Amino acid sequence: EENEPLKKYLRDNPDHLVQGEMIGKVKGFLYGLNNKVEFRAFDIRKPNYHYMDATEFLDVCDRYSIKTPRVFESNALHSRELIESYVEGEQENNPKGYREGVVIKPTVERFERRLNGRLALKYVSNTYLEKKGRG
């Protein structure tokens, strides 16, 4: 019931694939949602198997009121120091929590032959890795 915007989008676009994650009371991370669980979309794949560029994706999510993870302006992510400032620290809605990390993608989707896939990077926080026993 809480995902009605997502359901409406999928009814209107049955050939699109919405990818995302569940946050909240998941794996011990509350994300400031107490005991709630919510879906956050981070990608939409079109029928031609291409993913929406950032502008189209954000426009669709805005029009349909589909929740997304926090999005930083693309121009802000040009220095390692600035990216690292987003990676570590408290969660936006939960001062008792810590950030898992950030995903960095180009504004315009691109296939990278050397990766044999889409160009995307997840920069995981050291705090998250330490809490998970991988640091």
Protein backbone atom coordinates (compact mmCIF):
# COMPACT_ATOMS: atom_id res chain seq x y z
CA GLU A 1 0.00 0.00 0.00
CA GLU A 2 2.85 2.39 0.77
CA ASN A 3 4.34 1.77 -2.68
CA GLU A 4 1.31 2.92 -4.66
CA PRO A 5 3.40 5.45 -6.68
CA LEU A 6 5.74 2.64 -7.74
CA LYS A 7 2.81 0.35 -8.56
CA LYS A 8 1.22 3.08 -10.70
CA TYR A 9 4.44 3.62 -12.62
CA LEU A 10 4.78 -0.12 -13.28
CA ARG A 11 1.14 -0.37 -14.39
CA ASP A 12 1.74 2.56 -16.78
CA ASN A 13 5.09 1.13 -17.94
CA PRO A 14 4.91 -2.67 -17.62
CA ASP A 15 7.96 -3.15 -19.85
CA HIS A 16 10.26 -1.09 -17.57
CA LEU A 17 12.31 -2.57 -14.74
CA VAL A 18 12.64 -0.48 -11.58
CA GLN A 19 15.63 -1.37 -9.44
CA GLY A 20 16.06 -0.23 -5.88
CA GLU A 21 16.60 -1.20 -2.30
CA MET A 22 14.61 -1.67 0.86
CA ILE A 23 15.66 0.57 3.74
CA GLY A 24 14.51 0.87 7.31
CA LYS A 25 14.42 -2.11 9.60
CA VAL A 26 16.68 -4.08 7.29
CA LYS A 27 19.91 -5.78 8.41
CA GLY A 28 20.04 -3.65 11.56
CA PHE A 29 20.00 -0.31 9.71
CA LEU A 30 17.02 1.84 10.63
CA TYR A 31 17.78 4.90 8.44
CA GLY A 32 15.71 7.05 10.78
CA LEU A 33 12.53 5.13 9.89
CA ASN A 34 12.14 3.39 13.26
CA ASN A 35 10.33 0.12 12.52
CA LYS A 36 9.17 1.05 9.00
CA VAL A 37 10.57 -0.37 5.79
CA GLU A 38 10.56 1.70 2.60
CA PHE A 39 11.61 1.17 -1.01
CA ARG A 40 14.05 3.56 -2.71
CA ALA A 41 14.47 3.37 -6.51
CA PHE A 42 17.95 3.90 -7.91
CA ASP A 43 17.60 2.81 -11.56
CA ILE A 44 15.00 2.25 -14.25
CA ARG A 45 15.79 0.02 -17.21
CA LYS A 46 13.84 0.62 -20.39
CA PRO A 47 12.59 -2.11 -22.79
CA ASN A 48 15.69 -1.66 -24.98
CA TYR A 49 17.80 -2.75 -21.96
CA HIS A 50 19.26 0.75 -21.61
CA TYR A 51 19.00 2.55 -18.30
CA MET A 52 17.55 6.00 -17.99
CA ASP A 53 19.98 8.89 -17.78
CA ALA A 54 19.98 10.68 -14.43
CA THR A 55 17.77 13.57 -15.56
CA GLU A 56 15.09 11.30 -17.04
CA PHE A 57 15.21 8.98 -14.01
CA LEU A 58 14.81 11.82 -11.52
CA ASP A 59 12.04 13.40 -13.60
CA VAL A 60 10.09 10.10 -13.71
CA CYS A 61 10.55 9.55 -9.97
CA ASP A 62 9.44 13.12 -9.26
CA ARG A 63 6.36 12.87 -11.50
CA TYR A 64 5.30 9.57 -9.94
CA SER A 65 6.42 10.43 -6.36
CA ILE A 66 8.74 7.42 -6.30
CA LYS A 67 11.25 7.75 -3.48
CA THR A 68 14.96 7.63 -4.27
CA PRO A 69 18.11 7.64 -2.17
CA ARG A 70 19.59 11.07 -1.55
CA VAL A 71 20.95 12.49 -4.80
CA PHE A 72 23.85 14.93 -4.91
CA GLU A 73 24.29 17.28 -7.83
CA SER A 74 26.62 15.84 -10.40
CA ASN A 75 28.86 18.91 -10.46
CA ALA A 76 29.54 18.46 -6.75
CA LEU A 77 31.32 15.15 -7.16
CA HIS A 78 34.50 16.16 -8.93
CA SER A 79 36.94 15.93 -6.04
CA ARG A 80 37.88 12.94 -3.94
CA GLU A 81 37.74 15.03 -0.74
CA LEU A 82 34.17 16.13 -1.42
CA ILE A 83 33.05 12.59 -2.27
CA GLU A 84 34.64 11.29 0.94
CA SER A 85 32.76 13.94 2.93
CA TYR A 86 29.51 12.41 1.60
CA VAL A 87 30.63 8.83 2.24
CA GLU A 88 31.39 9.08 5.96
CA GLY A 89 29.25 10.59 8.68
CA GLU A 90 25.76 10.42 10.08
CA GLN A 91 22.77 9.41 8.01
CA GLU A 92 20.70 12.31 6.76
CA ASN A 93 17.56 11.35 8.71
CA ASN A 94 19.19 9.45 11.55
CA PRO A 95 21.90 11.08 13.66
CA LYS A 96 22.41 7.76 15.50
CA GLY A 97 23.15 5.94 12.26
CA TYR A 98 26.04 6.04 9.86
CA ARG A 99 26.21 6.12 6.10
CA GLU A 100 26.77 2.97 4.09
CA GLY A 101 28.42 4.92 1.27
CA VAL A 102 27.52 6.53 -2.03
CA VAL A 103 26.98 5.35 -5.60
CA ILE A 104 28.64 7.45 -8.28
CA LYS A 105 27.31 7.29 -11.83
CA PRO A 106 27.73 9.53 -14.87
CA THR A 107 24.90 11.94 -15.67
CA VAL A 108 24.52 10.27 -19.06
CA GLU A 109 24.46 6.47 -18.85
CA ARG A 110 27.40 4.80 -20.50
CA PHE A 111 28.61 1.30 -21.23
CA GLU A 112 32.27 0.75 -20.44
CA ARG A 113 33.85 -2.02 -22.50
CA ARG A 114 36.66 -2.59 -19.97
CA LEU A 115 34.02 -3.32 -17.34
CA ASN A 116 31.76 -5.19 -19.74
CA GLY A 117 28.90 -3.21 -18.26
CA ARG A 118 27.60 0.11 -17.06
CA LEU A 119 29.95 2.65 -15.57
CA ALA A 120 29.10 2.97 -11.88
CA LEU A 121 31.02 2.96 -8.62
CA LYS A 122 29.95 2.32 -5.05
CA TYR A 123 32.21 4.00 -2.54
CA VAL A 124 31.55 2.16 0.74
CA SER A 125 32.23 3.94 4.03
CA ASN A 126 34.93 2.65 6.34
CA THR A 127 32.48 2.86 9.26
CA TYR A 128 30.06 0.54 7.46
CA LEU A 129 32.83 -1.94 6.66
CA GLU A 130 34.03 -1.91 10.28
CA LYS A 131 30.49 -2.48 11.61
CA LYS A 132 30.09 -5.38 9.18
CA GLY A 133 33.42 -6.85 10.27
CA ARG A 134 35.14 -6.25 6.95
CA GLY A 135 37.27 -3.22 7.85
